[in-house]
Amino acid sequence: MNTYTTSKLIGQVLSSECPSRQILEHLTSKWSVLVLRCLSDGVQRFSTLRNRIEGVSEKMLAQTLRVLEQDGFILRTVYPEVPPKVEYQLTILGAQAAEKLNYLVGWIERSLPEILDNKAQVRH
């Protein structure tokens, strides 16, 4: 895709060719939302994230962190120690994204009783 075509598509998330669609997919995956939620509390190590996010495999967490780092949402810092110490934190862009996602998570948690009631009614 050439630069002209790309620039015309910026902000066109409904277009399958717009790069914003891939970013939307990265940010809204279950594991990304949960990682960003945890990192909203501050700097975290890999093991802390793995322990906090129930059900995430080591492989999936590593993959999610890599994608979020590549997109510029998190910063990975490796300290020259033995064994190596690695910490993750939100970038400014990541903090902005996390704020929006945390609002959605909060809304889901507050609305959960109503959502569950609706699900129960649909089943009957």
N, C-alpha and C. Protein backbone atom coordinates (compact mmCIF):
# COMPACT_ATOMS: atom_id res chain seq x y z
N MET A 1 0.86 -1.17 0.00
CA MET A 1 0.00 0.00 0.00
C MET A 1 0.90 1.23 0.00
N ASN A 2 0.64 2.18 -0.89
CA ASN A 2 1.50 3.36 -0.95
C ASN A 2 1.12 4.39 0.11
N THR A 3 1.98 5.39 0.28
CA THR A 3 1.76 6.40 1.33
C THR A 3 0.48 7.18 1.09
N TYR A 4 0.19 7.50 -0.15
CA TYR A 4 -1.02 8.25 -0.46
C TYR A 4 -2.26 7.49 0.00
N THR A 5 -2.32 6.21 -0.34
CA THR A 5 -3.46 5.39 0.04
C THR A 5 -3.55 5.27 1.55
N THR A 6 -2.40 5.06 2.20
CA THR A 6 -2.39 4.94 3.66
C THR A 6 -2.88 6.21 4.31
N SER A 7 -2.40 7.36 3.86
CA SER A 7 -2.79 8.63 4.48
C SER A 7 -4.28 8.90 4.29
N LYS A 8 -4.85 8.46 3.17
CA LYS A 8 -6.29 8.64 2.96
C LYS A 8 -7.11 7.77 3.91
N LEU A 9 -6.52 6.66 4.40
CA LEU A 9 -7.26 5.72 5.23
C LEU A 9 -7.10 5.98 6.73
N ILE A 10 -6.20 6.85 7.12
CA ILE A 10 -5.97 7.11 8.55
C ILE A 10 -7.29 7.49 9.21
N GLY A 11 -7.61 6.80 10.29
CA GLY A 11 -8.84 7.09 11.01
C GLY A 11 -10.08 6.48 10.40
N GLN A 12 -9.91 5.55 9.48
CA GLN A 12 -11.04 4.89 8.83
C GLN A 12 -11.14 3.45 9.32
N VAL A 13 -11.45 3.28 10.60
CA VAL A 13 -11.43 1.95 11.23
C VAL A 13 -12.40 0.97 10.57
N LEU A 14 -13.39 1.46 9.88
CA LEU A 14 -14.33 0.56 9.19
C LEU A 14 -13.74 -0.01 7.90
N SER A 15 -12.65 0.58 7.43
CA SER A 15 -11.98 0.07 6.23
C SER A 15 -11.04 -1.07 6.63
N SER A 16 -11.12 -2.17 5.89
CA SER A 16 -10.26 -3.31 6.19
C SER A 16 -8.79 -3.00 5.92
N GLU A 17 -8.50 -1.96 5.15
CA GLU A 17 -7.12 -1.60 4.83
C GLU A 17 -6.52 -0.58 5.79
N CYS A 18 -7.31 -0.02 6.67
CA CYS A 18 -6.79 1.01 7.58
C CYS A 18 -5.99 0.39 8.72
N PRO A 19 -4.79 0.90 8.98
CA PRO A 19 -3.97 0.35 10.07
C PRO A 19 -4.62 0.50 11.45
N SER A 20 -5.58 1.40 11.57
CA SER A 20 -6.24 1.58 12.87
C SER A 20 -7.01 0.33 13.28
N ARG A 21 -7.44 -0.46 12.32
CA ARG A 21 -8.18 -1.68 12.65
C ARG A 21 -7.30 -2.67 13.39
N GLN A 22 -6.04 -2.80 12.97
CA GLN A 22 -5.11 -3.70 13.65
C GLN A 22 -4.82 -3.21 15.07
N ILE A 23 -4.68 -1.91 15.24
CA ILE A 23 -4.44 -1.35 16.57
C ILE A 23 -5.66 -1.59 17.46
N LEU A 24 -6.84 -1.42 16.91
CA LEU A 24 -8.07 -1.70 17.66
C LEU A 24 -8.09 -3.15 18.12
N GLU A 25 -7.71 -4.05 17.24
CA GLU A 25 -7.66 -5.47 17.59
C GLU A 25 -6.65 -5.73 18.70
N HIS A 26 -5.48 -5.10 18.60
CA HIS A 26 -4.45 -5.28 19.63
C HIS A 26 -4.93 -4.76 20.98
N LEU A 27 -5.52 -3.58 21.00
CA LEU A 27 -5.94 -2.97 22.26
C LEU A 27 -7.12 -3.65 22.91
N THR A 28 -8.01 -4.20 22.12
CA THR A 28 -9.25 -4.73 22.69
C THR A 28 -9.26 -6.24 22.87
N SER A 29 -8.11 -6.89 22.68
CA SER A 29 -8.09 -8.31 23.00
C SER A 29 -8.24 -8.45 24.52
N LYS A 30 -8.80 -9.53 24.94
CA LYS A 30 -9.02 -9.76 26.38
C LYS A 30 -7.74 -9.57 27.17
N TRP A 31 -6.66 -10.17 26.70
CA TRP A 31 -5.41 -10.12 27.47
C TRP A 31 -4.81 -8.72 27.48
N SER A 32 -4.92 -8.00 26.37
CA SER A 32 -4.40 -6.63 26.33
C SER A 32 -5.14 -5.74 27.31
N VAL A 33 -6.45 -5.86 27.34
CA VAL A 33 -7.25 -5.06 28.27
C VAL A 33 -6.82 -5.34 29.70
N LEU A 34 -6.63 -6.61 30.03
CA LEU A 34 -6.25 -6.97 31.39
C LEU A 34 -4.83 -6.52 31.73
N VAL A 35 -3.91 -6.61 30.78
CA VAL A 35 -2.54 -6.13 31.00
C VAL A 35 -2.55 -4.62 31.23
N LEU A 36 -3.26 -3.90 30.38
CA LEU A 36 -3.31 -2.44 30.53
C LEU A 36 -3.97 -2.05 31.85
N ARG A 37 -4.97 -2.82 32.26
CA ARG A 37 -5.62 -2.57 33.55
C ARG A 37 -4.61 -2.71 34.68
N CYS A 38 -3.82 -3.77 34.66
CA CYS A 38 -2.81 -3.99 35.70
C CYS A 38 -1.74 -2.91 35.68
N LEU A 39 -1.27 -2.56 34.50
CA LEU A 39 -0.21 -1.56 34.41
C LEU A 39 -0.69 -0.16 34.76
N SER A 40 -2.00 0.03 34.80
CA SER A 40 -2.56 1.31 35.27
C SER A 40 -2.21 1.56 36.73
N ASP A 41 -1.92 0.47 37.45
CA ASP A 41 -1.54 0.57 38.86
C ASP A 41 -0.07 0.91 39.04
N GLY A 42 0.69 0.92 37.95
CA GLY A 42 2.11 1.26 38.03
C GLY A 42 2.98 0.17 37.42
N VAL A 43 4.28 0.33 37.61
CA VAL A 43 5.27 -0.58 37.05
C VAL A 43 5.07 -1.98 37.61
N GLN A 44 5.16 -2.98 36.72
CA GLN A 44 4.95 -4.38 37.12
C GLN A 44 6.01 -5.25 36.48
N ARG A 45 6.35 -6.32 37.15
CA ARG A 45 7.23 -7.34 36.58
C ARG A 45 6.36 -8.41 35.94
N PHE A 46 6.98 -9.20 35.07
CA PHE A 46 6.26 -10.25 34.34
C PHE A 46 5.55 -11.20 35.29
N SER A 47 6.27 -11.64 36.32
CA SER A 47 5.68 -12.62 37.25
C SER A 47 4.49 -12.03 38.00
N THR A 48 4.56 -10.75 38.31
CA THR A 48 3.43 -10.09 38.98
C THR A 48 2.22 -10.05 38.07
N LEU A 49 2.43 -9.70 36.81
CA LEU A 49 1.33 -9.68 35.84
C LEU A 49 0.73 -11.08 35.68
N ARG A 50 1.59 -12.08 35.56
CA ARG A 50 1.11 -13.46 35.39
C ARG A 50 0.26 -13.89 36.59
N ASN A 51 0.69 -13.51 37.78
CA ASN A 51 -0.06 -13.88 38.99
C ASN A 51 -1.36 -13.11 39.12
N ARG A 52 -1.38 -11.86 38.69
CA ARG A 52 -2.59 -11.05 38.83
C ARG A 52 -3.67 -11.41 37.82
N ILE A 53 -3.25 -11.79 36.61
CA ILE A 53 -4.21 -12.06 35.53
C ILE A 53 -4.50 -13.56 35.49
N GLU A 54 -5.54 -13.96 36.17
CA GLU A 54 -5.88 -15.38 36.24
C GLU A 54 -6.20 -15.93 34.86
N GLY A 55 -5.63 -17.10 34.57
CA GLY A 55 -5.95 -17.80 33.33
C GLY A 55 -5.02 -17.50 32.17
N VAL A 56 -4.14 -16.51 32.29
CA VAL A 56 -3.25 -16.20 31.17
C VAL A 56 -2.03 -17.13 31.23
N SER A 57 -1.68 -17.68 30.07
CA SER A 57 -0.48 -18.52 30.00
C SER A 57 0.74 -17.63 29.87
N GLU A 58 1.88 -18.19 30.22
CA GLU A 58 3.13 -17.45 30.09
C GLU A 58 3.36 -17.03 28.64
N LYS A 59 3.07 -17.93 27.71
CA LYS A 59 3.25 -17.64 26.29
C LYS A 59 2.34 -16.50 25.83
N MET A 60 1.07 -16.54 26.24
CA MET A 60 0.11 -15.51 25.82
C MET A 60 0.46 -14.15 26.43
N LEU A 61 0.90 -14.17 27.68
CA LEU A 61 1.29 -12.91 28.32
C LEU A 61 2.50 -12.31 27.61
N ALA A 62 3.49 -13.13 27.31
CA ALA A 62 4.68 -12.64 26.61
C ALA A 62 4.31 -12.07 25.24
N GLN A 63 3.44 -12.77 24.53
CA GLN A 63 2.99 -12.31 23.21
C GLN A 63 2.24 -10.99 23.32
N THR A 64 1.36 -10.88 24.28
CA THR A 64 0.57 -9.66 24.48
C THR A 64 1.48 -8.49 24.83
N LEU A 65 2.42 -8.71 25.73
CA LEU A 65 3.36 -7.64 26.10
C LEU A 65 4.18 -7.20 24.89
N ARG A 66 4.61 -8.14 24.07
CA ARG A 66 5.40 -7.82 22.88
C ARG A 66 4.60 -6.94 21.92
N VAL A 67 3.34 -7.30 21.67
CA VAL A 67 2.50 -6.53 20.75
C VAL A 67 2.27 -5.13 21.29
N LEU A 68 1.95 -5.03 22.58
CA LEU A 68 1.70 -3.71 23.18
C LEU A 68 2.97 -2.85 23.17
N GLU A 69 4.12 -3.48 23.33
CA GLU A 69 5.38 -2.74 23.27
C GLU A 69 5.64 -2.27 21.84
N GLN A 70 5.43 -3.13 20.86
CA GLN A 70 5.64 -2.77 19.45
C GLN A 70 4.74 -1.62 19.02
N ASP A 71 3.52 -1.57 19.56
CA ASP A 71 2.58 -0.50 19.22
C ASP A 71 2.85 0.78 20.02
N GLY A 72 3.78 0.72 20.97
CA GLY A 72 4.13 1.92 21.73
C GLY A 72 3.26 2.18 22.94
N PHE A 73 2.53 1.17 23.41
CA PHE A 73 1.65 1.36 24.57
C PHE A 73 2.35 1.05 25.89
N ILE A 74 3.36 0.21 25.85
CA ILE A 74 4.10 -0.10 27.07
C ILE A 74 5.60 0.01 26.82
N LEU A 75 6.31 0.23 27.90
CA LEU A 75 7.76 0.31 27.86
C LEU A 75 8.30 -0.87 28.65
N ARG A 76 9.24 -1.58 28.05
CA ARG A 76 9.89 -2.73 28.69
C ARG A 76 11.30 -2.30 29.07
N THR A 77 11.63 -2.42 30.35
CA THR A 77 12.95 -2.06 30.83
C THR A 77 13.63 -3.30 31.39
N VAL A 78 14.83 -3.59 30.86
CA VAL A 78 15.63 -4.72 31.31
C VAL A 78 16.81 -4.18 32.11
N TYR A 79 16.95 -4.67 33.34
CA TYR A 79 18.05 -4.26 34.20
C TYR A 79 19.16 -5.30 34.12
N PRO A 80 20.41 -4.85 34.04
CA PRO A 80 21.54 -5.78 33.90
C PRO A 80 21.88 -6.46 35.22
N GLU A 81 21.07 -7.41 35.58
CA GLU A 81 21.26 -8.17 36.81
C GLU A 81 21.24 -9.65 36.46
N VAL A 82 21.64 -10.47 37.39
CA VAL A 82 21.57 -11.92 37.21
C VAL A 82 20.73 -12.48 38.36
N PRO A 83 19.57 -13.08 38.08
CA PRO A 83 18.93 -13.15 36.77
C PRO A 83 18.43 -11.78 36.32
N PRO A 84 18.20 -11.59 35.01
CA PRO A 84 17.75 -10.29 34.51
C PRO A 84 16.42 -9.87 35.15
N LYS A 85 16.34 -8.62 35.48
CA LYS A 85 15.11 -8.05 36.02
C LYS A 85 14.45 -7.25 34.90
N VAL A 86 13.18 -7.56 34.61
CA VAL A 86 12.44 -6.89 33.54
C VAL A 86 11.18 -6.28 34.13
N GLU A 87 10.95 -5.01 33.82
CA GLU A 87 9.75 -4.32 34.29
C GLU A 87 9.00 -3.74 33.10
N TYR A 88 7.69 -3.63 33.29
CA TYR A 88 6.81 -3.08 32.26
C TYR A 88 6.04 -1.92 32.85
N GLN A 89 5.86 -0.89 32.03
CA GLN A 89 5.06 0.25 32.46
C GLN A 89 4.37 0.87 31.25
N LEU A 90 3.34 1.63 31.50
CA LEU A 90 2.61 2.29 30.42
C LEU A 90 3.41 3.48 29.91
N THR A 91 3.36 3.70 28.60
CA THR A 91 3.86 4.94 28.02
C THR A 91 2.73 5.97 28.17
N ILE A 92 2.98 7.18 27.76
CA ILE A 92 1.91 8.19 27.80
C ILE A 92 0.74 7.74 26.92
N LEU A 93 1.06 7.24 25.75
CA LEU A 93 0.01 6.74 24.85
C LEU A 93 -0.73 5.57 25.48
N GLY A 94 0.02 4.68 26.13
CA GLY A 94 -0.59 3.54 26.80
C GLY A 94 -1.49 3.95 27.95
N ALA A 95 -1.07 4.97 28.69
CA ALA A 95 -1.89 5.47 29.80
C ALA A 95 -3.20 6.06 29.27
N GLN A 96 -3.13 6.73 28.13
CA GLN A 96 -4.34 7.29 27.53
C GLN A 96 -5.29 6.17 27.09
N ALA A 97 -4.74 5.14 26.46
CA ALA A 97 -5.56 4.00 26.03
C ALA A 97 -6.14 3.27 27.24
N ALA A 98 -5.30 3.05 28.26
CA ALA A 98 -5.75 2.34 29.46
C ALA A 98 -6.88 3.09 30.15
N GLU A 99 -6.80 4.40 30.15
CA GLU A 99 -7.86 5.20 30.77
C GLU A 99 -9.22 4.91 30.12
N LYS A 100 -9.22 4.86 28.79
CA LYS A 100 -10.47 4.58 28.06
C LYS A 100 -10.95 3.15 28.33
N LEU A 101 -10.02 2.21 28.29
CA LEU A 101 -10.39 0.81 28.51
C LEU A 101 -10.83 0.57 29.95
N ASN A 102 -10.19 1.23 30.90
CA ASN A 102 -10.59 1.10 32.31
C ASN A 102 -11.99 1.65 32.54
N TYR A 103 -12.35 2.67 31.80
CA TYR A 103 -13.72 3.19 31.89
C TYR A 103 -14.71 2.11 31.44
N LEU A 104 -14.40 1.44 30.33
CA LEU A 104 -15.26 0.37 29.83
C LEU A 104 -15.32 -0.79 30.82
N VAL A 105 -14.17 -1.18 31.37
CA VAL A 105 -14.13 -2.26 32.36
C VAL A 105 -14.98 -1.89 33.58
N GLY A 106 -14.84 -0.67 34.05
CA GLY A 106 -15.64 -0.21 35.19
C GLY A 106 -17.13 -0.25 34.89
N TRP A 107 -17.49 0.17 33.69
CA TRP A 107 -18.90 0.14 33.29
C TRP A 107 -19.41 -1.29 33.28
N ILE A 108 -18.61 -2.21 32.73
CA ILE A 108 -19.01 -3.62 32.70
C ILE A 108 -19.22 -4.14 34.13
N GLU A 109 -18.27 -3.85 35.01
CA GLU A 109 -18.37 -4.33 36.39
C GLU A 109 -19.59 -3.74 37.10
N ARG A 110 -19.87 -2.45 36.88
CA ARG A 110 -21.05 -1.82 37.51
C ARG A 110 -22.36 -2.35 36.93
N SER A 111 -22.35 -2.66 35.65
CA SER A 111 -23.56 -3.09 34.95
C SER A 111 -23.76 -4.60 34.96
N LEU A 112 -22.84 -5.33 35.57
CA LEU A 112 -22.88 -6.79 35.52
C LEU A 112 -24.20 -7.39 36.00
N PRO A 113 -24.78 -6.93 37.12
CA PRO A 113 -26.07 -7.52 37.52
C PRO A 113 -27.15 -7.40 36.44
N GLU A 114 -27.24 -6.24 35.81
CA GLU A 114 -28.24 -6.04 34.76
C GLU A 114 -27.93 -6.91 33.54
N ILE A 115 -26.67 -6.98 33.18
CA ILE A 115 -26.26 -7.79 32.03
C ILE A 115 -26.59 -9.27 32.28
N LEU A 116 -26.28 -9.76 33.49
CA LEU A 116 -26.57 -11.15 33.83
C LEU A 116 -28.07 -11.42 33.86
N ASP A 117 -28.85 -10.46 34.35
CA ASP A 117 -30.31 -10.59 34.33
C ASP A 117 -30.82 -10.71 32.90
N ASN A 118 -30.29 -9.87 32.02
CA ASN A 118 -30.69 -9.92 30.61
C ASN A 118 -30.33 -11.25 29.98
N LYS A 119 -29.15 -11.75 30.27
CA LYS A 119 -28.74 -13.05 29.73
C LYS A 119 -29.66 -14.15 30.22
N ALA A 120 -30.04 -14.10 31.49
CA ALA A 120 -30.93 -15.13 32.05
C ALA A 120 -32.30 -15.07 31.38
N GLN A 121 -32.80 -13.89 31.11
CA GLN A 121 -34.12 -13.73 30.48
C GLN A 121 -34.11 -14.25 29.04
N VAL A 122 -33.02 -14.05 28.34
CA VAL A 122 -32.93 -14.50 26.95
C VAL A 122 -32.92 -16.02 26.87
N ARG A 123 -32.34 -16.68 27.86
CA ARG A 123 -32.27 -18.14 27.87
C ARG A 123 -33.64 -18.79 28.04
N HIS A 124 -34.57 -18.09 28.65
CA HIS A 124 -35.88 -18.68 28.93
C HIS A 124 -36.90 -18.35 27.89
